[in-house]
Amino acid sequence: MISNDGGIFQRSGLNDSAWTMKNDGIGAMEVWHVAASPNINHQLSIGTQDNGGLDADSIGWYNTMGGDQGGLLAYDYTPSNYVYYLSAGTRKSITPPGFFTGFNIPSGASYYTKIAFHPSHRDLALIGHQDLWMTNTLGNSLPSWTLINSVPDALMDVVISAADANIAYHLTTSSLFRIDNLLSTPVVTELALPITSYFTGSLCTVKNDVNVVYLTLGYNVFRSNDQGLNWTDVTGNLPNHDITQILSDDYNSTETIYLQSGDRYTDTKIFRKQLTDSLWQDWTGNLPTVATVTDMEMYNDGSPNSKLYVSTMGRGVWSCDLYDTTSVNIEHPFQEDLGISVYPNPATKNFFVKNSHSKEYTIKVFSTEGVLQYEQKSNLSLLTVDCHSFSEGTYVYLISSAGITNHGKLIIVK
C-alpha cells in the first residue's frame, strides 16, 4: 500500500500491476478548479492533481479523463451545456452526453486561458490568454472567432456585463479595457487603473445595475458606478492577502458580492459583502484550514437550490446554500462531500439516498419549522424512503457520517 498526492492505493501482490484506490470516502482530493453548470442543478466538473477530470450530477461523481488537470474549467449556456477544459482546448456536451472535441480555440490553449459567456446570448463568448477573441457561433461544432483586442500582456480576467451583453471588461497584467457595442461592432476603450502594482486581478458585474463593476487588484477591491471611469476603494476590513476571485449574486435584491482571499502560502478565506454592509463578513465557516481554497463557483437560479461551491487543494469540493430560508439551525455554511446524495428532488412517492462508499450514516428529515419527520441509520448503497406520509412542501435533510454532517433541501410534491 502506498500514498501520494492522488490518494491511497493498494496492490494485491508483488506480481500484480493493478492498483486499487483505497481512499474509502476520505475527502482528500487535490482539486485545482471547479465549474458548475448554470443550467443544470448539481452538474459539476473538477480538474484534479493526479486523479484526472471528474463530472458530478445529482447521483454522484464520474471520472472523465486521467492525469493532471490543472487548467480552468467552464460551462456555457448553450442547450448542449458544454463543459470546457481550457488548458486542453477541448469541450464536451452534457445534453446529450458527448465526447471531448476541439472548439477551434484561437491562439492556442493555455493554463491561463479565460472565457466568458452570457445567459441571454448563448452563442456569444469571449476568450483569450493574451489577445481577446469573440464568437457569436459558440453552439456550432467549430465556432468562428474574431480578434477584438490585441495586447502585449497576459490576460487576467474577462467578463461580459450581466446587465447588458453589449458591454464587457478585459483585465491584463498592466491594463484594463471596456468593450462597448459588443454585439455589433465592438469598440475598445482603455480605462485608468486605480493602482498599477498588483499580482492578482479579477472582475465582476452586477445584474441589477449596468453601471456597476467590481475590480480586484492584489488585496484591494474597487467599485465603480460609472462603468469603470472612476473607482471607490471598498477593501475595508479585508486582510492583506491577494484576492484571486470575485463573484456577484445576480438574484439577490441587495447587491451581494463574494470573494476568495489568500493562496497556498497564506490563509485562504471566503468573504461576503452586501452594498448596505459597512464591513466584509467572513464566510469561511468550517472550511478546512489545512487545505488551500483553489476556486469558487456558483449555481444560481434565484431559488433555494442555489449554491456556492469551492474547491480545495487536499480536501475536495465543498458547498453552501446561497439562500437559506429555513429555521433549522445549520452551524456552518460549507459542507464536505460525503459521497451520499438524495434524489430525485422534487420527489413525489419516494426519494432515494445513494451511498457511494457504503459507509454507515444517519439521515434526518425536518420540516421547515424544525420538527423531525423521519430518521434512519443505514449502510445500504441505496436506501428507499417512502414519502406518502409527507405533506407537500419544503423539508431539510441532515446526513451524518464519521463526525461530518451535511444538509440540503428536499421538496415534496403531490
Protein backbone atom coordinates (compact mmCIF):
# COMPACT_ATOMS: atom_id res chain seq x y z
CA MET A 1 0.00 0.00 0.00
CA ILE A 2 1.27 3.47 -0.89
CA SER A 3 0.06 7.05 -0.60
CA ASN A 4 0.74 10.07 -2.77
CA ASP A 5 -0.94 13.33 -3.71
CA GLY A 6 -3.55 11.33 -5.59
CA GLY A 7 -4.68 9.33 -2.54
CA ILE A 8 -4.11 5.89 -1.02
CA PHE A 9 -3.58 2.85 -3.28
CA GLN A 10 -3.24 -0.88 -2.66
CA ARG A 11 -1.69 -3.66 -4.77
CA SER A 12 -2.60 -7.27 -4.04
CA GLY A 13 0.81 -8.81 -4.66
CA LEU A 14 4.29 -8.15 -5.99
CA ASN A 15 3.37 -9.54 -9.38
CA ASP A 16 0.08 -7.69 -9.60
CA SER A 17 0.38 -4.47 -11.60
CA ALA A 18 -3.19 -3.33 -10.80
CA TRP A 19 -3.55 -0.72 -8.07
CA THR A 20 -6.85 -0.13 -6.27
CA MET A 21 -7.76 3.25 -4.76
CA LYS A 22 -8.45 2.88 -1.03
CA ASN A 23 -9.49 6.42 -0.09
CA ASP A 24 -12.84 4.94 1.02
CA GLY A 25 -14.61 8.26 1.18
CA ILE A 26 -11.79 10.29 2.74
CA GLY A 27 -12.23 13.84 1.43
CA ALA A 28 -8.57 14.30 0.47
CA MET A 29 -8.68 15.00 -3.25
CA GLU A 30 -6.50 17.83 -4.57
CA VAL A 31 -8.76 19.92 -6.79
CA TRP A 32 -7.34 22.69 -8.95
CA HIS A 33 -10.60 24.09 -10.32
CA VAL A 34 -14.36 23.59 -10.15
CA ALA A 35 -17.07 24.59 -12.64
CA ALA A 36 -20.85 24.49 -12.15
CA SER A 37 -23.36 24.33 -14.98
CA PRO A 38 -25.57 27.45 -14.90
CA ASN A 39 -28.39 25.42 -16.49
CA ILE A 40 -28.36 22.12 -14.57
CA ASN A 41 -28.54 21.86 -10.80
CA HIS A 42 -25.84 19.59 -9.27
CA GLN A 43 -23.89 19.39 -12.56
CA LEU A 44 -20.23 20.00 -11.66
CA SER A 45 -16.82 19.37 -13.19
CA ILE A 46 -13.45 19.42 -11.45
CA GLY A 47 -9.83 19.18 -12.53
CA THR A 48 -7.56 17.42 -10.05
CA GLN A 49 -3.94 16.61 -9.28
CA ASP A 50 -3.26 13.02 -10.45
CA ASN A 51 -6.91 11.95 -10.36
CA GLY A 52 -7.85 13.49 -13.71
CA GLY A 53 -11.10 15.24 -14.52
CA LEU A 54 -14.41 14.31 -12.89
CA ASP A 55 -18.05 15.22 -13.52
CA ALA A 56 -20.84 15.14 -10.94
CA ASP A 57 -24.61 15.10 -11.23
CA SER A 58 -27.39 14.53 -8.68
CA ILE A 59 -26.35 10.86 -8.42
CA GLY A 60 -22.59 11.02 -7.91
CA TRP A 61 -19.11 11.60 -9.40
CA TYR A 62 -17.75 10.09 -12.63
CA ASN A 63 -14.18 10.09 -13.94
CA THR A 64 -13.89 11.59 -17.43
CA MET A 65 -10.13 11.66 -18.04
CA GLY A 66 -6.87 10.81 -16.32
CA GLY A 67 -3.66 12.59 -15.36
CA ASP A 68 -3.25 16.10 -14.01
CA GLN A 69 -5.98 18.59 -14.97
CA GLY A 70 -4.84 21.94 -13.64
CA GLY A 71 -6.38 24.32 -16.18
CA LEU A 72 -9.53 26.37 -15.78
CA LEU A 73 -12.94 24.80 -16.42
CA ALA A 74 -16.17 26.48 -17.50
CA TYR A 75 -19.77 25.67 -18.50
CA ASP A 76 -21.62 27.68 -21.15
CA TYR A 77 -25.33 28.49 -21.51
CA THR A 78 -25.96 26.66 -24.80
CA PRO A 79 -28.59 23.88 -24.93
CA SER A 80 -25.72 21.38 -25.22
CA ASN A 81 -24.38 22.55 -21.83
CA TYR A 82 -20.77 22.29 -22.95
CA VAL A 83 -18.06 21.99 -20.31
CA TYR A 84 -14.71 23.45 -21.37
CA TYR A 85 -11.26 22.19 -20.36
CA LEU A 86 -9.49 25.38 -21.35
CA SER A 87 -5.88 24.26 -20.91
CA ALA A 88 -6.56 21.36 -23.29
CA GLY A 89 -8.59 23.42 -25.77
CA THR A 90 -11.44 20.88 -25.68
CA ARG A 91 -15.08 20.73 -24.65
CA LYS A 92 -17.85 18.13 -24.42
CA SER A 93 -21.63 18.34 -24.33
CA ILE A 94 -23.59 17.23 -21.28
CA THR A 95 -27.01 17.14 -23.01
CA PRO A 96 -26.76 14.80 -24.74
CA PRO A 97 -23.60 13.25 -23.26
CA GLY A 98 -20.75 13.66 -25.73
CA PHE A 99 -17.03 13.16 -26.24
CA PHE A 100 -14.28 15.75 -25.92
CA THR A 101 -13.70 17.66 -29.14
CA GLY A 102 -11.86 20.82 -30.11
CA PHE A 103 -13.74 24.11 -30.47
CA ASN A 104 -11.35 25.95 -32.78
CA ILE A 105 -9.73 27.81 -29.88
CA PRO A 106 -7.82 30.84 -31.22
CA SER A 107 -4.12 31.47 -30.43
CA GLY A 108 -3.70 28.08 -28.74
CA ALA A 109 -4.75 26.65 -25.36
CA SER A 110 -3.03 27.65 -22.12
CA TYR A 111 -3.33 27.13 -18.37
CA TYR A 112 -4.09 30.86 -18.23
CA THR A 113 -6.91 30.88 -20.80
CA LYS A 114 -10.09 32.61 -19.60
CA ILE A 115 -13.55 32.51 -21.16
CA ALA A 116 -16.77 34.48 -20.60
CA PHE A 117 -20.39 33.74 -21.57
CA HIS A 118 -23.79 35.43 -21.26
CA PRO A 119 -27.14 33.77 -20.37
CA SER A 120 -29.22 35.91 -22.75
CA HIS A 121 -26.89 35.41 -25.74
CA ARG A 122 -25.93 31.77 -25.58
CA ASP A 123 -23.79 31.77 -28.74
CA LEU A 124 -21.71 34.72 -27.51
CA ALA A 125 -18.31 34.16 -25.87
CA LEU A 126 -15.03 35.96 -25.24
CA ILE A 127 -11.79 34.01 -24.83
CA GLY A 128 -8.07 34.58 -24.53
CA HIS A 129 -4.88 34.21 -22.57
CA GLN A 130 -3.35 37.36 -24.07
CA ASP A 131 -5.23 38.71 -27.08
CA LEU A 132 -9.03 38.77 -26.71
CA TRP A 133 -11.25 36.96 -29.22
CA MET A 134 -15.03 36.85 -29.70
CA THR A 135 -17.53 34.44 -31.24
CA ASN A 136 -21.27 34.61 -31.93
CA THR A 137 -21.34 30.98 -33.10
CA LEU A 138 -20.49 29.14 -29.88
CA GLY A 139 -23.17 26.48 -30.48
CA ASN A 140 -21.61 25.44 -33.80
CA SER A 141 -19.41 22.35 -33.90
CA LEU A 142 -16.47 24.64 -34.77
CA PRO A 143 -17.14 28.22 -33.67
CA SER A 144 -15.53 31.03 -35.66
CA TRP A 145 -13.54 33.62 -33.67
CA THR A 146 -12.75 37.29 -34.34
CA LEU A 147 -9.87 39.22 -32.75
CA ILE A 148 -11.23 42.30 -30.92
CA ASN A 149 -8.30 43.42 -28.73
CA SER A 150 -4.61 42.70 -29.25
CA VAL A 151 -2.39 43.41 -26.24
CA PRO A 152 1.20 42.51 -25.25
CA ASP A 153 0.33 41.40 -21.71
CA ALA A 154 -1.24 38.29 -20.18
CA LEU A 155 -4.99 38.29 -19.66
CA MET A 156 -6.06 38.09 -16.01
CA ASP A 157 -9.85 38.16 -16.32
CA VAL A 158 -12.67 38.87 -18.75
CA VAL A 159 -16.41 39.31 -18.06
CA ILE A 160 -19.48 40.19 -20.10
CA SER A 161 -21.80 42.50 -18.21
CA ALA A 162 -24.61 40.58 -16.53
CA ALA A 163 -26.85 43.61 -17.11
CA ASP A 164 -26.02 44.25 -20.79
CA ALA A 165 -24.36 41.82 -23.20
CA ASN A 166 -23.17 44.79 -25.27
CA ILE A 167 -20.57 45.60 -22.58
CA ALA A 168 -17.53 43.62 -21.48
CA TYR A 169 -14.42 44.23 -19.36
CA HIS A 170 -10.92 42.88 -20.02
CA LEU A 171 -8.12 42.98 -17.40
CA THR A 172 -4.46 42.26 -18.18
CA THR A 173 -1.30 42.37 -16.06
CA SER A 174 -0.94 46.08 -16.80
CA SER A 175 -4.18 47.41 -18.34
CA LEU A 176 -7.97 47.48 -18.05
CA PHE A 177 -10.34 47.81 -21.02
CA ARG A 178 -14.08 48.26 -21.50
CA ILE A 179 -15.58 46.91 -24.70
CA ASP A 180 -18.81 48.55 -25.88
CA ASN A 181 -21.11 47.65 -28.76
CA LEU A 182 -20.05 44.02 -28.36
CA LEU A 183 -22.98 42.55 -30.30
CA SER A 184 -22.32 44.57 -33.49
CA THR A 185 -19.04 46.46 -33.97
CA PRO A 186 -17.00 46.29 -30.74
CA VAL A 187 -15.33 49.48 -29.53
CA VAL A 188 -12.41 49.09 -27.10
CA THR A 189 -11.64 51.81 -24.54
CA GLU A 190 -8.70 51.67 -22.14
CA LEU A 191 -9.66 52.62 -18.58
CA ALA A 192 -7.45 54.11 -15.88
CA LEU A 193 -6.47 51.63 -13.17
CA PRO A 194 -6.89 52.77 -9.55
CA ILE A 195 -3.49 51.23 -8.70
CA THR A 196 -0.73 49.98 -11.03
CA SER A 197 1.07 47.35 -8.94
CA TYR A 198 -0.75 44.03 -8.48
CA PHE A 199 -0.06 40.30 -8.72
CA THR A 200 -3.66 39.05 -8.98
CA GLY A 201 -6.76 40.59 -10.52
CA SER A 202 -10.42 39.76 -11.17
CA LEU A 203 -13.68 41.35 -12.31
CA CYS A 204 -17.42 41.01 -11.80
CA THR A 205 -20.50 42.96 -12.81
CA VAL A 206 -23.93 43.41 -11.20
CA LYS A 207 -27.09 42.25 -12.95
CA ASN A 208 -29.35 44.93 -11.44
CA ASP A 209 -27.15 47.91 -12.38
CA VAL A 210 -25.41 48.19 -15.76
CA ASN A 211 -23.10 50.90 -14.43
CA VAL A 212 -21.61 48.90 -11.55
CA VAL A 213 -18.43 46.87 -11.94
CA TYR A 214 -16.09 45.45 -9.29
CA LEU A 215 -12.33 45.13 -9.75
CA THR A 216 -9.80 43.40 -7.51
CA LEU A 217 -6.11 44.20 -7.78
CA GLY A 218 -3.84 42.37 -5.33
CA TYR A 219 -5.52 42.59 -1.93
CA ASN A 220 -7.59 45.66 -2.90
CA VAL A 221 -11.24 45.79 -4.00
CA PHE A 222 -12.65 48.68 -6.02
CA ARG A 223 -16.21 49.52 -7.07
CA SER A 224 -17.23 51.74 -9.97
CA ASN A 225 -20.74 53.10 -10.52
CA ASP A 226 -19.92 54.61 -13.93
CA GLN A 227 -18.66 51.63 -15.96
CA GLY A 228 -15.05 51.93 -14.84
CA LEU A 229 -14.43 55.64 -15.33
CA ASN A 230 -13.98 56.25 -11.59
CA TRP A 231 -13.24 53.86 -8.73
CA THR A 232 -14.02 53.75 -5.00
CA ASP A 233 -11.83 51.64 -2.69
CA VAL A 234 -14.10 49.19 -0.81
CA THR A 235 -11.33 46.96 0.59
CA GLY A 236 -12.35 47.84 4.14
CA ASN A 237 -11.50 45.17 6.71
CA LEU A 238 -10.17 42.55 4.28
CA PRO A 239 -6.77 41.02 5.16
CA ASN A 240 -3.66 41.95 3.18
CA HIS A 241 -3.79 38.78 1.09
CA ASP A 242 -4.13 38.65 -2.69
CA ILE A 243 -7.72 38.22 -3.89
CA THR A 244 -7.99 35.52 -6.54
CA GLN A 245 -11.66 35.69 -7.48
CA ILE A 246 -14.79 37.82 -7.08
CA LEU A 247 -18.41 36.85 -7.87
CA SER A 248 -21.76 38.66 -7.79
CA ASP A 249 -25.06 37.15 -6.68
CA ASP A 250 -27.29 38.06 -9.63
CA TYR A 251 -30.58 37.23 -7.91
CA ASN A 252 -30.22 38.89 -4.53
CA SER A 253 -32.33 42.05 -4.31
CA THR A 254 -29.42 43.69 -2.47
CA GLU A 255 -26.11 43.96 -4.31
CA THR A 256 -24.15 41.00 -2.89
CA ILE A 257 -20.51 40.14 -3.60
CA TYR A 258 -18.40 37.09 -2.68
CA LEU A 259 -14.62 36.91 -2.95
CA GLN A 260 -11.80 34.48 -2.33
CA SER A 261 -8.78 35.83 -0.44
CA GLY A 262 -5.38 34.20 0.01
CA ASP A 263 -3.38 31.44 -1.70
CA ARG A 264 -1.35 28.35 -0.83
CA TYR A 265 1.16 30.48 1.07
CA THR A 266 -1.41 32.32 3.22
CA ASP A 267 -4.72 31.61 4.95
CA THR A 268 -7.48 31.29 2.36
CA LYS A 269 -10.86 32.70 3.25
CA ILE A 270 -14.22 33.44 1.65
CA PHE A 271 -15.78 36.85 2.31
CA ARG A 272 -19.24 38.25 1.57
CA LYS A 273 -20.46 41.84 1.45
CA GLN A 274 -23.77 43.46 0.61
CA LEU A 275 -23.94 47.05 -0.56
CA THR A 276 -25.58 48.06 2.73
CA ASP A 277 -22.82 46.43 4.85
CA SER A 278 -20.02 48.56 6.25
CA LEU A 279 -17.66 45.56 6.64
CA TRP A 280 -16.89 42.33 4.78
CA GLN A 281 -18.27 39.23 6.52
CA ASP A 282 -16.01 36.19 6.96
CA TRP A 283 -17.95 33.45 5.12
CA THR A 284 -15.28 30.76 5.59
CA GLY A 285 -17.27 28.83 8.20
CA ASN A 286 -15.99 25.30 8.66
CA LEU A 287 -13.89 25.11 5.52
CA PRO A 288 -10.72 23.11 6.34
CA THR A 289 -7.81 25.28 7.42
CA VAL A 290 -5.26 22.69 6.28
CA ALA A 291 -6.19 22.95 2.60
CA THR A 292 -5.97 25.92 0.25
CA VAL A 293 -9.15 27.12 -1.46
CA THR A 294 -8.33 26.95 -5.18
CA ASP A 295 -11.53 28.04 -6.94
CA MET A 296 -15.04 29.38 -6.34
CA GLU A 297 -18.15 28.93 -8.47
CA MET A 298 -21.93 29.40 -8.27
CA TYR A 299 -25.02 27.59 -9.38
CA ASN A 300 -27.59 30.35 -9.06
CA ASP A 301 -31.12 30.39 -10.42
CA GLY A 302 -32.55 32.52 -7.61
CA SER A 303 -34.22 29.50 -5.99
CA PRO A 304 -33.39 27.62 -2.75
CA ASN A 305 -31.34 25.23 -4.93
CA SER A 306 -28.72 27.95 -5.46
CA LYS A 307 -25.27 27.11 -4.09
CA LEU A 308 -21.77 28.49 -3.75
CA TYR A 309 -19.06 25.88 -4.44
CA VAL A 310 -15.38 25.98 -3.57
CA SER A 311 -12.61 23.55 -4.45
CA THR A 312 -9.61 22.87 -2.21
CA MET A 313 -6.12 21.51 -2.65
CA GLY A 314 -6.40 18.41 -0.49
CA ARG A 315 -9.95 18.36 0.91
CA GLY A 316 -12.15 18.03 -2.16
CA VAL A 317 -15.18 20.19 -3.06
CA TRP A 318 -17.44 21.99 -0.57
CA SER A 319 -20.73 23.87 -0.93
CA CYS A 320 -23.10 26.16 0.94
CA ASP A 321 -26.62 27.40 0.25
CA LEU A 322 -26.85 30.94 -1.13
CA TYR A 323 -30.39 31.35 0.20
CA ASP A 324 -31.01 29.54 3.49
CA THR A 325 -34.63 30.40 4.31
CA THR A 326 -35.32 27.60 6.82
CA SER A 327 -35.49 27.91 10.58
CA VAL A 328 -33.38 24.77 11.12
CA ASN A 329 -30.10 25.82 12.75
CA ILE A 330 -27.18 24.90 10.48
CA GLU A 331 -23.95 25.68 12.34
CA HIS A 332 -21.66 26.24 9.35
CA PRO A 333 -22.31 27.29 5.75
CA PHE A 334 -19.91 24.91 3.95
CA GLN A 335 -20.12 21.14 3.68
CA GLU A 336 -17.71 18.34 2.81
CA ASP A 337 -18.71 15.84 0.11
CA LEU A 338 -19.59 12.57 1.88
CA GLY A 339 -20.37 10.65 -1.30
CA ILE A 340 -24.02 10.47 -0.17
CA SER A 341 -26.75 12.08 -2.25
CA VAL A 342 -30.55 12.43 -2.13
CA TYR A 343 -32.68 12.25 -5.29
CA PRO A 344 -34.99 12.92 -7.09
CA ASN A 345 -35.62 16.46 -5.94
CA PRO A 346 -38.50 17.33 -6.08
CA ALA A 347 -39.81 13.91 -5.01
CA THR A 348 -43.36 12.52 -5.18
CA LYS A 349 -43.89 8.94 -3.94
CA ASN A 350 -40.33 8.03 -2.91
CA PHE A 351 -36.90 9.54 -2.64
CA PHE A 352 -33.60 7.67 -2.57
CA VAL A 353 -30.36 8.05 -0.63
CA LYS A 354 -27.38 6.89 -2.69
CA ASN A 355 -24.36 5.88 -0.59
CA SER A 356 -21.38 5.75 -2.96
CA HIS A 357 -18.97 4.30 -0.36
CA SER A 358 -21.39 2.02 1.58
CA LYS A 359 -20.43 3.76 4.84
CA GLU A 360 -22.74 3.94 7.84
CA TYR A 361 -24.72 7.17 8.10
CA THR A 362 -27.82 8.64 9.68
CA ILE A 363 -30.38 10.70 7.76
CA LYS A 364 -32.87 13.00 9.46
CA VAL A 365 -35.60 14.95 7.68
CA PHE A 366 -37.10 18.07 9.29
CA SER A 367 -39.97 20.35 8.43
CA THR A 368 -39.05 24.00 7.92
CA GLU A 369 -40.35 24.58 11.47
CA GLY A 370 -37.66 22.23 12.78
CA VAL A 371 -39.96 19.24 13.53
CA LEU A 372 -38.33 15.83 12.93
CA GLN A 373 -40.28 13.95 10.24
CA TYR A 374 -38.01 10.98 9.51
CA GLU A 375 -34.85 9.37 10.91
CA GLN A 376 -32.95 6.31 9.72
CA LYS A 377 -29.49 4.78 10.23
CA SER A 378 -28.19 2.80 7.24
CA ASN A 379 -25.15 1.50 5.41
CA LEU A 380 -27.07 0.44 2.30
CA SER A 381 -25.72 1.58 -1.06
CA LEU A 382 -29.29 2.70 -1.94
CA LEU A 383 -31.96 3.48 0.66
CA THR A 384 -35.58 3.94 -0.48
CA VAL A 385 -37.70 6.32 1.61
CA ASP A 386 -41.49 6.26 1.25
CA CYS A 387 -42.74 9.85 1.39
CA HIS A 388 -46.50 9.22 1.07
CA SER A 389 -46.92 10.43 4.67
CA PHE A 390 -45.08 13.70 3.96
CA SER A 391 -47.19 16.76 3.24
CA GLU A 392 -46.39 18.76 0.13
CA GLY A 393 -43.74 21.37 0.81
CA THR A 394 -40.07 22.02 1.55
CA TYR A 395 -38.04 19.96 4.03
CA VAL A 396 -34.45 19.98 5.27
CA TYR A 397 -32.40 16.79 5.50
CA LEU A 398 -29.29 16.22 7.61
CA ILE A 399 -26.89 13.38 6.73
CA SER A 400 -24.26 12.49 9.36
CA SER A 401 -21.33 10.12 8.92
CA ALA A 402 -17.91 9.83 10.59
CA GLY A 403 -18.41 13.04 12.54
CA ILE A 404 -19.39 15.11 9.49
CA THR A 405 -22.91 16.45 8.92
CA ASN A 406 -24.21 17.74 5.59
CA HIS A 407 -27.59 19.27 4.86
CA GLY A 408 -29.82 20.09 1.96
CA LYS A 409 -33.37 20.98 0.96
CA LEU A 410 -35.88 18.40 -0.21
CA ILE A 411 -39.10 19.37 -1.97
CA ILE A 412 -42.12 17.05 -1.86
CA VAL A 413 -44.85 17.50 -4.48
CA LYS A 414 -48.13 15.58 -4.64
